[in-house]
């Protein structure tokens, strides 16, 4: 027998997954997947189809986490090179300024590099706006998806 109630551990991890979706660089979807997986390992529930569906949602949250901002920047006209450089530049700003550093780093870097690339303020602003909105939308989607994992888990366990 495991020393801690598997339901309690799963719920803590699932709620932590939702909270972590707001925190840059913390994989909320991964925590949600860990909660579901731990409960399944400890109890054998939920069934395989529900397990795969919940893990799939957790993986989708990870995709939003890892690719949301980059895909939005690309849709706004930013190059993959610009997106990669923005990710690297943003890391130290994230440490110093927290989530604000993420937004400032993404917007500022994408604008500066795209302006340098095209020599057009409007194109630089457009790419920076898309990237910034993409980062925010990515966070919102992560929260929604990790909350859906929690809701689905509760439905499967208690119904």
Foldseek 3Di string as FASTA:
>chain_A
DDPDDLLVQLVVLLVVLLVCLVFAPRQSLVSNLVSLVSSCVVPVDDDPVLNVVLNVLSVVLVCLRPCQLVVQLVVLPFDNVLVVVLVVQLVVLCVVPNPVSNLCSQLVSQLVVVCVVPVDNVSSNSSSVSSNVSNVVSSVSSNVSSVVSVVSVCVRVVD
